Amino acid sequence: MRARQQGITAIAFIIVVAFVGVFAFAVLKVLPFYLEQVKVVSILEDVKEDLDGKGPSVGEIRNAITKRLDIEMVTGIESKEFVITKTNSGYTVHAKYERRAPYLANLYLVAAFDEQVEIKR
């Protein structure tokens, strides 16, 4: 009686390893974007916590963002890219940006981020 074969063939194993490798390469390319996005969210929350209820001006908000970007060493977004709009109760600080990383040849990985906080007067 013949024994049943178990496991996968070498070709199937190479295909699985290639698939995992392509996925892992994409994760390694995009991971820094998400780590930076965590810092941007933290910056927005810190600015809100520090200036909420203190009647800040647009300049004070922008200076606080600039200082925190320097402290956190965020290079993917600049303070001028944060959109500060006046509302009835204060200001809305909006960080909407995208990051691109070359993947293979002319293919790119794109990550889009959209965060905002409201700072009350």
N, C-alpha and C. Protein backbone atom coordinates (compact mmCIF):
# COMPACT_ATOMS: atom_id res chain seq x y z
N MET A 1 0.83 -1.17 0.00
CA MET A 1 0.00 0.00 0.00
C MET A 1 0.88 1.25 0.00
N ARG A 2 0.52 2.23 -0.83
CA ARG A 2 1.30 3.47 -0.92
C ARG A 2 0.99 4.40 0.25
N ALA A 3 2.03 5.06 0.73
CA ALA A 3 1.85 6.05 1.80
C ALA A 3 1.39 7.36 1.18
N ARG A 4 0.57 8.05 1.88
CA ARG A 4 0.11 9.36 1.39
C ARG A 4 1.20 10.39 1.60
N GLN A 5 1.35 11.26 0.63
CA GLN A 5 2.34 12.32 0.74
C GLN A 5 1.81 13.43 1.63
N GLN A 6 2.73 14.01 2.36
CA GLN A 6 2.36 15.12 3.23
C GLN A 6 3.29 16.29 2.95
N GLY A 7 2.80 17.49 3.18
CA GLY A 7 3.62 18.68 2.99
C GLY A 7 3.40 19.31 1.64
N ILE A 8 4.26 20.28 1.33
CA ILE A 8 4.13 20.98 0.06
C ILE A 8 5.39 20.74 -0.77
N THR A 9 5.26 20.93 -2.04
CA THR A 9 6.40 20.74 -2.93
C THR A 9 7.33 21.94 -2.84
N ALA A 10 8.50 21.81 -3.39
CA ALA A 10 9.47 22.90 -3.37
C ALA A 10 8.96 24.11 -4.15
N ILE A 11 8.30 23.87 -5.26
CA ILE A 11 7.76 24.98 -6.07
C ILE A 11 6.67 25.72 -5.30
N ALA A 12 5.80 24.99 -4.64
CA ALA A 12 4.75 25.63 -3.84
C ALA A 12 5.36 26.42 -2.69
N PHE A 13 6.40 25.87 -2.09
CA PHE A 13 7.08 26.57 -1.00
C PHE A 13 7.71 27.87 -1.50
N ILE A 14 8.34 27.85 -2.66
CA ILE A 14 8.95 29.05 -3.24
C ILE A 14 7.88 30.10 -3.54
N ILE A 15 6.74 29.67 -4.03
CA ILE A 15 5.64 30.60 -4.32
C ILE A 15 5.14 31.25 -3.03
N VAL A 16 4.99 30.46 -1.98
CA VAL A 16 4.53 31.00 -0.69
C VAL A 16 5.56 31.98 -0.14
N VAL A 17 6.82 31.64 -0.20
CA VAL A 17 7.88 32.53 0.30
C VAL A 17 7.91 33.82 -0.51
N ALA A 18 7.76 33.74 -1.82
CA ALA A 18 7.74 34.93 -2.66
C ALA A 18 6.57 35.84 -2.30
N PHE A 19 5.40 35.25 -2.10
CA PHE A 19 4.21 36.03 -1.73
C PHE A 19 4.43 36.73 -0.39
N VAL A 20 4.94 36.01 0.58
CA VAL A 20 5.20 36.61 1.90
C VAL A 20 6.27 37.69 1.78
N GLY A 21 7.28 37.46 0.95
CA GLY A 21 8.34 38.45 0.76
C GLY A 21 7.83 39.74 0.15
N VAL A 22 6.97 39.63 -0.85
CA VAL A 22 6.41 40.83 -1.50
C VAL A 22 5.56 41.61 -0.50
N PHE A 23 4.78 40.91 0.30
CA PHE A 23 3.94 41.56 1.31
C PHE A 23 4.82 42.21 2.39
N ALA A 24 5.84 41.50 2.85
CA ALA A 24 6.73 42.04 3.89
C ALA A 24 7.47 43.27 3.38
N PHE A 25 7.89 43.26 2.12
CA PHE A 25 8.57 44.41 1.53
C PHE A 25 7.65 45.63 1.52
N ALA A 26 6.38 45.43 1.20
CA ALA A 26 5.42 46.54 1.20
C ALA A 26 5.23 47.08 2.62
N VAL A 27 5.15 46.19 3.59
CA VAL A 27 4.99 46.62 4.98
C VAL A 27 6.20 47.44 5.43
N LEU A 28 7.40 46.99 5.07
CA LEU A 28 8.61 47.72 5.45
C LEU A 28 8.67 49.10 4.80
N LYS A 29 8.12 49.24 3.61
CA LYS A 29 8.11 50.54 2.93
C LYS A 29 7.10 51.50 3.56
N VAL A 30 5.97 50.99 4.04
CA VAL A 30 4.88 51.84 4.52
C VAL A 30 4.94 52.06 6.04
N LEU A 31 5.57 51.19 6.77
CA LEU A 31 5.61 51.29 8.23
C LEU A 31 6.10 52.64 8.74
N PRO A 32 7.15 53.23 8.18
CA PRO A 32 7.57 54.55 8.68
C PRO A 32 6.50 55.63 8.54
N PHE A 33 5.66 55.52 7.52
CA PHE A 33 4.58 56.50 7.35
C PHE A 33 3.60 56.43 8.52
N TYR A 34 3.26 55.23 8.94
CA TYR A 34 2.31 55.07 10.02
C TYR A 34 2.92 55.44 11.37
N LEU A 35 4.20 55.18 11.54
CA LEU A 35 4.86 55.62 12.77
C LEU A 35 4.90 57.15 12.83
N GLU A 36 5.12 57.79 11.69
CA GLU A 36 5.09 59.24 11.64
C GLU A 36 3.68 59.78 11.88
N GLN A 37 2.69 59.09 11.38
CA GLN A 37 1.30 59.52 11.56
C GLN A 37 0.92 59.48 13.03
N VAL A 38 1.43 58.50 13.77
CA VAL A 38 1.18 58.44 15.21
C VAL A 38 1.76 59.68 15.89
N LYS A 39 2.93 60.12 15.44
CA LYS A 39 3.53 61.33 15.99
C LYS A 39 2.69 62.57 15.66
N VAL A 40 2.16 62.64 14.44
CA VAL A 40 1.33 63.78 14.04
C VAL A 40 0.07 63.84 14.90
N VAL A 41 -0.56 62.70 15.13
CA VAL A 41 -1.75 62.66 15.98
C VAL A 41 -1.40 63.12 17.39
N SER A 42 -0.26 62.66 17.89
CA SER A 42 0.19 63.06 19.22
C SER A 42 0.44 64.56 19.28
N ILE A 43 1.03 65.11 18.24
CA ILE A 43 1.28 66.56 18.18
C ILE A 43 -0.04 67.33 18.22
N LEU A 44 -1.00 66.90 17.42
CA LEU A 44 -2.30 67.59 17.41
C LEU A 44 -2.97 67.52 18.78
N GLU A 45 -2.92 66.37 19.41
CA GLU A 45 -3.54 66.24 20.73
C GLU A 45 -2.82 67.07 21.78
N ASP A 46 -1.48 67.14 21.70
CA ASP A 46 -0.71 67.96 22.64
C ASP A 46 -1.00 69.44 22.46
N VAL A 47 -1.09 69.89 21.21
CA VAL A 47 -1.41 71.30 20.94
C VAL A 47 -2.80 71.62 21.47
N LYS A 48 -3.73 70.73 21.25
CA LYS A 48 -5.09 70.93 21.77
C LYS A 48 -5.08 71.03 23.30
N GLU A 49 -4.37 70.10 23.93
CA GLU A 49 -4.32 70.07 25.39
C GLU A 49 -3.68 71.34 25.95
N ASP A 50 -2.61 71.80 25.31
CA ASP A 50 -1.89 72.98 25.81
C ASP A 50 -2.63 74.29 25.57
N LEU A 51 -3.31 74.42 24.43
CA LEU A 51 -3.89 75.71 24.05
C LEU A 51 -5.40 75.78 24.19
N ASP A 52 -6.06 74.69 24.47
CA ASP A 52 -7.52 74.67 24.56
C ASP A 52 -7.99 75.56 25.72
N GLY A 53 -8.87 76.49 25.40
CA GLY A 53 -9.45 77.37 26.40
C GLY A 53 -8.59 78.56 26.78
N LYS A 54 -7.46 78.76 26.11
CA LYS A 54 -6.56 79.86 26.45
C LYS A 54 -6.60 81.00 25.43
N GLY A 55 -7.50 80.93 24.49
CA GLY A 55 -7.65 81.99 23.49
C GLY A 55 -6.43 82.19 22.62
N PRO A 56 -5.90 81.12 22.05
CA PRO A 56 -4.68 81.28 21.24
C PRO A 56 -4.97 81.92 19.89
N SER A 57 -3.93 82.48 19.30
CA SER A 57 -4.04 83.02 17.95
C SER A 57 -3.55 81.97 16.97
N VAL A 58 -3.75 82.24 15.68
CA VAL A 58 -3.28 81.31 14.65
C VAL A 58 -1.76 81.18 14.73
N GLY A 59 -1.06 82.28 14.97
CA GLY A 59 0.39 82.26 15.08
C GLY A 59 0.88 81.40 16.24
N GLU A 60 0.20 81.51 17.37
CA GLU A 60 0.58 80.69 18.53
C GLU A 60 0.36 79.21 18.26
N ILE A 61 -0.73 78.88 17.59
CA ILE A 61 -1.01 77.48 17.24
C ILE A 61 0.06 76.97 16.29
N ARG A 62 0.37 77.76 15.26
CA ARG A 62 1.37 77.33 14.28
C ARG A 62 2.76 77.19 14.93
N ASN A 63 3.12 78.10 15.84
CA ASN A 63 4.40 78.00 16.54
C ASN A 63 4.46 76.74 17.40
N ALA A 64 3.37 76.43 18.07
CA ALA A 64 3.33 75.22 18.90
C ALA A 64 3.49 73.97 18.03
N ILE A 65 2.85 73.96 16.88
CA ILE A 65 2.97 72.82 15.96
C ILE A 65 4.41 72.71 15.44
N THR A 66 5.01 73.84 15.07
CA THR A 66 6.38 73.84 14.55
C THR A 66 7.36 73.30 15.59
N LYS A 67 7.22 73.76 16.83
CA LYS A 67 8.12 73.28 17.89
C LYS A 67 7.97 71.78 18.10
N ARG A 68 6.75 71.30 18.11
CA ARG A 68 6.53 69.87 18.34
C ARG A 68 7.01 69.02 17.16
N LEU A 69 6.85 69.54 15.95
CA LEU A 69 7.39 68.81 14.78
C LEU A 69 8.91 68.68 14.89
N ASP A 70 9.57 69.73 15.35
CA ASP A 70 11.02 69.66 15.52
C ASP A 70 11.41 68.70 16.63
N ILE A 71 10.70 68.75 17.75
CA ILE A 71 11.01 67.88 18.88
C ILE A 71 10.81 66.42 18.50
N GLU A 72 9.72 66.12 17.80
CA GLU A 72 9.41 64.73 17.42
C GLU A 72 10.17 64.28 16.18
N MET A 73 10.89 65.21 15.53
CA MET A 73 11.67 64.93 14.31
C MET A 73 10.79 64.37 13.19
N VAL A 74 9.67 65.04 12.98
CA VAL A 74 8.76 64.68 11.89
C VAL A 74 9.20 65.44 10.65
N THR A 75 9.52 64.72 9.58
CA THR A 75 10.00 65.38 8.36
C THR A 75 9.03 65.24 7.19
N GLY A 76 8.00 64.41 7.33
CA GLY A 76 7.09 64.17 6.22
C GLY A 76 6.04 65.25 6.02
N ILE A 77 5.84 66.10 7.01
CA ILE A 77 4.85 67.18 6.92
C ILE A 77 5.43 68.40 7.62
N GLU A 78 5.19 69.56 7.04
CA GLU A 78 5.68 70.81 7.61
C GLU A 78 4.53 71.54 8.29
N SER A 79 4.86 72.48 9.16
CA SER A 79 3.83 73.19 9.90
C SER A 79 2.91 73.99 8.98
N LYS A 80 3.43 74.45 7.83
CA LYS A 80 2.58 75.23 6.92
C LYS A 80 1.54 74.35 6.22
N GLU A 81 1.71 73.04 6.28
CA GLU A 81 0.74 72.14 5.68
C GLU A 81 -0.46 71.86 6.60
N PHE A 82 -0.37 72.27 7.86
CA PHE A 82 -1.50 72.16 8.78
C PHE A 82 -2.43 73.33 8.47
N VAL A 83 -3.67 73.03 8.16
CA VAL A 83 -4.64 74.07 7.83
C VAL A 83 -5.38 74.46 9.11
N ILE A 84 -5.30 75.74 9.45
CA ILE A 84 -5.96 76.26 10.65
C ILE A 84 -7.09 77.16 10.21
N THR A 85 -8.32 76.76 10.54
CA THR A 85 -9.48 77.56 10.16
C THR A 85 -10.23 78.01 11.41
N LYS A 86 -10.74 79.22 11.34
CA LYS A 86 -11.48 79.80 12.46
C LYS A 86 -12.91 79.27 12.44
N THR A 87 -13.40 78.87 13.60
CA THR A 87 -14.78 78.43 13.75
C THR A 87 -15.46 79.32 14.78
N ASN A 88 -16.74 79.06 15.03
CA ASN A 88 -17.47 79.86 16.01
C ASN A 88 -16.90 79.71 17.42
N SER A 89 -16.42 78.52 17.74
CA SER A 89 -15.95 78.27 19.11
C SER A 89 -14.43 78.31 19.25
N GLY A 90 -13.71 78.49 18.16
CA GLY A 90 -12.25 78.52 18.26
C GLY A 90 -11.61 78.29 16.90
N TYR A 91 -10.75 77.29 16.84
CA TYR A 91 -10.02 76.96 15.61
C TYR A 91 -10.04 75.46 15.37
N THR A 92 -10.05 75.09 14.11
CA THR A 92 -9.90 73.70 13.71
C THR A 92 -8.53 73.56 13.06
N VAL A 93 -7.74 72.63 13.57
CA VAL A 93 -6.42 72.36 13.01
C VAL A 93 -6.52 71.04 12.26
N HIS A 94 -6.23 71.11 10.97
CA HIS A 94 -6.45 69.97 10.07
C HIS A 94 -5.13 69.58 9.41
N ALA A 95 -4.77 68.32 9.55
CA ALA A 95 -3.57 67.79 8.89
C ALA A 95 -4.02 66.74 7.88
N LYS A 96 -4.03 67.12 6.62
CA LYS A 96 -4.43 66.20 5.55
C LYS A 96 -3.26 66.11 4.58
N TYR A 97 -2.68 64.92 4.51
CA TYR A 97 -1.50 64.75 3.66
C TYR A 97 -1.40 63.31 3.21
N GLU A 98 -0.55 63.08 2.24
CA GLU A 98 -0.31 61.72 1.78
C GLU A 98 1.18 61.52 1.59
N ARG A 99 1.60 60.31 1.75
CA ARG A 99 3.01 59.94 1.57
C ARG A 99 3.09 58.84 0.53
N ARG A 100 4.14 58.88 -0.26
CA ARG A 100 4.35 57.88 -1.32
C ARG A 100 5.72 57.25 -1.14
N ALA A 101 5.78 55.97 -1.46
CA ALA A 101 7.05 55.26 -1.43
C ALA A 101 7.16 54.44 -2.71
N PRO A 102 8.30 54.51 -3.38
CA PRO A 102 8.47 53.66 -4.56
C PRO A 102 8.47 52.19 -4.14
N TYR A 103 7.80 51.37 -4.92
CA TYR A 103 7.69 49.96 -4.57
C TYR A 103 8.49 49.11 -5.55
N LEU A 104 7.98 48.94 -6.73
CA LEU A 104 8.68 48.21 -7.78
C LEU A 104 8.57 49.00 -9.07
N ALA A 105 9.69 49.31 -9.68
CA ALA A 105 9.74 50.05 -10.94
C ALA A 105 8.94 51.34 -10.82
N ASN A 106 7.84 51.46 -11.56
CA ASN A 106 7.05 52.69 -11.50
C ASN A 106 5.79 52.51 -10.64
N LEU A 107 5.75 51.52 -9.79
CA LEU A 107 4.64 51.32 -8.86
C LEU A 107 4.97 51.98 -7.52
N TYR A 108 3.99 52.65 -6.95
CA TYR A 108 4.19 53.34 -5.68
C TYR A 108 3.16 52.86 -4.67
N LEU A 109 3.55 52.90 -3.43
CA LEU A 109 2.62 52.67 -2.32
C LEU A 109 2.22 54.04 -1.80
N VAL A 110 0.93 54.28 -1.64
CA VAL A 110 0.43 55.58 -1.19
C VAL A 110 -0.36 55.40 0.09
N ALA A 111 -0.06 56.24 1.06
CA ALA A 111 -0.81 56.26 2.31
C ALA A 111 -1.35 57.67 2.51
N ALA A 112 -2.65 57.80 2.67
CA ALA A 112 -3.29 59.11 2.86
C ALA A 112 -3.76 59.22 4.31
N PHE A 113 -3.48 60.37 4.91
CA PHE A 113 -3.83 60.61 6.31
C PHE A 113 -4.68 61.87 6.41
N ASP A 114 -5.62 61.85 7.33
CA ASP A 114 -6.52 62.98 7.52
C ASP A 114 -6.88 63.06 9.00
N GLU A 115 -6.26 63.98 9.71
CA GLU A 115 -6.47 64.14 11.15
C GLU A 115 -6.84 65.58 11.44
N GLN A 116 -7.67 65.78 12.47
CA GLN A 116 -8.00 67.15 12.86
C GLN A 116 -8.40 67.21 14.31
N VAL A 117 -8.20 68.38 14.91
CA VAL A 117 -8.65 68.66 16.27
C VAL A 117 -9.27 70.05 16.28
N GLU A 118 -10.10 70.28 17.28
CA GLU A 118 -10.69 71.60 17.45
C GLU A 118 -10.16 72.19 18.75
N ILE A 119 -9.61 73.38 18.63
CA ILE A 119 -9.10 74.11 19.79
C ILE A 119 -10.08 75.21 20.13
N LYS A 120 -10.62 75.15 21.33
CA LYS A 120 -11.62 76.15 21.76
C LYS A 120 -10.93 77.37 22.34
N ARG A 121 -11.61 78.49 22.19
CA ARG A 121 -11.03 79.74 22.73
C ARG A 121 -11.07 79.78 24.18
